[in-house]
Amino acid sequence: METDAVLKRSVASGTLEREIERCHHEIAEVERLLGDGHPDVHGLCLASRIGRQSYGLLGEQKQDRRRIVEPGGGVGGEAGARRYLAIL
């Protein structure tokens, strides 16, 4: 699935922000084309759906990273290490 490929590529190359911005621009372009009366309405609606799914999944991934990196968020970071050491 294309969305999975986008997520894997963003994680592997560290380009999450660029991927989110790219999705945002692609969605805006699709909306512009629809507004201008482009004849391929079905194809543009499909492109919009895929773009919005990718945008949403990338946004979730960004939130997950913040929870792990920010102090007290998730099990990663210093807070997670302190909790782990406290258990030992």
C-alpha atoms as a PDB file:
ATOM      1  CA  MET A   1       0.000   0.000   0.000  1.00  0.00           C
ATOM      2  CA  GLU A   2       1.280   3.461  -0.883  1.00  0.00           C
ATOM      3  CA  THR A   3       0.589   4.859   2.602  1.00  0.00           C
ATOM      4  CA  ASP A   4       2.796   2.192   4.219  1.00  0.00           C
ATOM      5  CA  ALA A   5       5.607   3.055   1.818  1.00  0.00           C
ATOM      6  CA  VAL A   6       5.357   6.735   2.764  1.00  0.00           C
ATOM      7  CA  LEU A   7       5.567   5.898   6.469  1.00  0.00           C
ATOM      8  CA  LYS A   8       8.539   3.561   6.042  1.00  0.00           C
ATOM      9  CA  ARG A   9      10.369   6.083   3.868  1.00  0.00           C
ATOM     10  CA  SER A  10       9.779   8.899   6.360  1.00  0.00           C
ATOM     11  CA  VAL A  11      11.075   6.819   9.261  1.00  0.00           C
ATOM     12  CA  ALA A  12      14.076   5.484   7.361  1.00  0.00           C
ATOM     13  CA  SER A  13      15.265   8.787   5.967  1.00  0.00           C
ATOM     14  CA  GLY A  14      14.222  11.117   8.775  1.00  0.00           C
ATOM     15  CA  THR A  15      12.047  13.244   6.521  1.00  0.00           C
ATOM     16  CA  LEU A  16       8.792  13.130   8.462  1.00  0.00           C
ATOM     17  CA  GLU A  17       8.275  16.896   8.339  1.00  0.00           C
ATOM     18  CA  ARG A  18       8.948  17.014   4.597  1.00  0.00           C
ATOM     19  CA  GLU A  19       6.519  14.139   3.969  1.00  0.00           C
ATOM     20  CA  ILE A  20       3.808  15.920   5.964  1.00  0.00           C
ATOM     21  CA  GLU A  21       4.409  19.131   4.020  1.00  0.00           C
ATOM     22  CA  ARG A  22       4.376  17.234   0.711  1.00  0.00           C
ATOM     23  CA  CYS A  23       1.010  15.657   1.574  1.00  0.00           C
ATOM     24  CA  HIS A  24      -0.350  19.066   2.521  1.00  0.00           C
ATOM     25  CA  HIS A  25       0.718  20.539  -0.841  1.00  0.00           C
ATOM     26  CA  GLU A  26      -0.651  17.582  -2.814  1.00  0.00           C
ATOM     27  CA  ILE A  27      -4.040  17.852  -1.081  1.00  0.00           C
ATOM     28  CA  ALA A  28      -4.135  21.604  -1.779  1.00  0.00           C
ATOM     29  CA  GLU A  29      -3.331  20.985  -5.462  1.00  0.00           C
ATOM     30  CA  VAL A  30      -6.098  18.364  -5.746  1.00  0.00           C
ATOM     31  CA  GLU A  31      -8.588  20.775  -4.162  1.00  0.00           C
ATOM     32  CA  ARG A  32      -7.485  23.509  -6.572  1.00  0.00           C
ATOM     33  CA  LEU A  33      -7.957  21.225  -9.575  1.00  0.00           C
ATOM     34  CA  LEU A  34     -11.404  20.157  -8.371  1.00  0.00           C
ATOM     35  CA  GLY A  35     -12.360  23.789  -7.802  1.00  0.00           C
ATOM     36  CA  ASP A  36     -11.197  24.673 -11.317  1.00  0.00           C
ATOM     37  CA  GLY A  37     -13.530  22.041 -12.778  1.00  0.00           C
ATOM     38  CA  HIS A  38     -10.987  19.398 -13.776  1.00  0.00           C
ATOM     39  CA  PRO A  39     -12.791  16.589 -15.670  1.00  0.00           C
ATOM     40  CA  ASP A  40     -11.190  13.678 -13.720  1.00  0.00           C
ATOM     41  CA  VAL A  41     -13.302  14.079 -10.600  1.00  0.00           C
ATOM     42  CA  HIS A  42     -13.107  10.381  -9.659  1.00  0.00           C
ATOM     43  CA  GLY A  43      -9.302  10.277  -9.913  1.00  0.00           C
ATOM     44  CA  LEU A  44      -8.886  13.508  -7.991  1.00  0.00           C
ATOM     45  CA  CYS A  45     -11.211  12.322  -5.228  1.00  0.00           C
ATOM     46  CA  LEU A  46      -9.154   9.143  -4.960  1.00  0.00           C
ATOM     47  CA  ALA A  47      -5.936  11.167  -4.837  1.00  0.00           C
ATOM     48  CA  SER A  48      -7.458  13.383  -2.146  1.00  0.00           C
ATOM     49  CA  ARG A  49      -8.452  10.361  -0.066  1.00  0.00           C
ATOM     50  CA  ILE A  50      -4.979   8.803  -0.311  1.00  0.00           C
ATOM     51  CA  GLY A  51      -3.326  12.132   0.489  1.00  0.00           C
ATOM     52  CA  ARG A  52      -5.518  12.704   3.537  1.00  0.00           C
ATOM     53  CA  GLN A  53      -4.876   9.173   4.815  1.00  0.00           C
ATOM     54  CA  SER A  54      -1.130   9.643   4.444  1.00  0.00           C
ATOM     55  CA  TYR A  55      -1.320  13.075   6.081  1.00  0.00           C
ATOM     56  CA  GLY A  56      -3.258  11.647   9.034  1.00  0.00           C
ATOM     57  CA  LEU A  57      -0.941   8.686   9.521  1.00  0.00           C
ATOM     58  CA  LEU A  58       2.150  10.859   9.317  1.00  0.00           C
ATOM     59  CA  GLY A  59       0.609  13.243  11.865  1.00  0.00           C
ATOM     60  CA  GLU A  60      -0.027  10.314  14.209  1.00  0.00           C
ATOM     61  CA  GLN A  61       3.549   9.180  13.767  1.00  0.00           C
ATOM     62  CA  LYS A  62       4.757  12.679  14.610  1.00  0.00           C
ATOM     63  CA  GLN A  63       2.650  12.669  17.789  1.00  0.00           C
ATOM     64  CA  ASP A  64       4.012   9.243  18.760  1.00  0.00           C
ATOM     65  CA  ARG A  65       7.569  10.508  18.368  1.00  0.00           C
ATOM     66  CA  ARG A  66       6.809  13.530  20.554  1.00  0.00           C
ATOM     67  CA  ARG A  67       5.410  11.309  23.307  1.00  0.00           C
ATOM     68  CA  ILE A  68       8.593   9.252  23.326  1.00  0.00           C
ATOM     69  CA  VAL A  69      11.016  12.173  23.108  1.00  0.00           C
ATOM     70  CA  GLU A  70       9.346  14.650  25.482  1.00  0.00           C
ATOM     71  CA  PRO A  71      10.059  14.255  29.201  1.00  0.00           C
ATOM     72  CA  GLY A  72       7.399  12.198  30.921  1.00  0.00           C
ATOM     73  CA  GLY A  73       5.937  11.053  27.618  1.00  0.00           C
ATOM     74  CA  GLY A  74       5.657   7.368  26.863  1.00  0.00           C
ATOM     75  CA  VAL A  75       8.247   4.832  27.899  1.00  0.00           C
ATOM     76  CA  GLY A  76      11.203   6.387  26.098  1.00  0.00           C
ATOM     77  CA  GLY A  77      13.434   9.264  27.038  1.00  0.00           C
ATOM     78  CA  GLU A  78      14.781  10.011  30.509  1.00  0.00           C
ATOM     79  CA  ALA A  79      11.470   9.426  32.249  1.00  0.00           C
ATOM     80  CA  GLY A  80      11.244   5.933  30.787  1.00  0.00           C
ATOM     81  CA  ALA A  81      14.835   5.199  31.769  1.00  0.00           C
ATOM     82  CA  ARG A  82      14.194   6.399  35.326  1.00  0.00           C
ATOM     83  CA  ARG A  83      11.102   4.208  35.593  1.00  0.00           C
ATOM     84  CA  TYR A  84      13.046   1.231  34.243  1.00  0.00           C
ATOM     85  CA  LEU A  85      15.916   1.796  36.684  1.00  0.00           C
ATOM     86  CA  ALA A  86      13.476   2.201  39.572  1.00  0.00           C
ATOM     87  CA  ILE A  87      12.083  -1.252  38.828  1.00  0.00           C
ATOM     88  CA  LEU A  88      15.567  -2.796  38.969  1.00  0.00           C
END
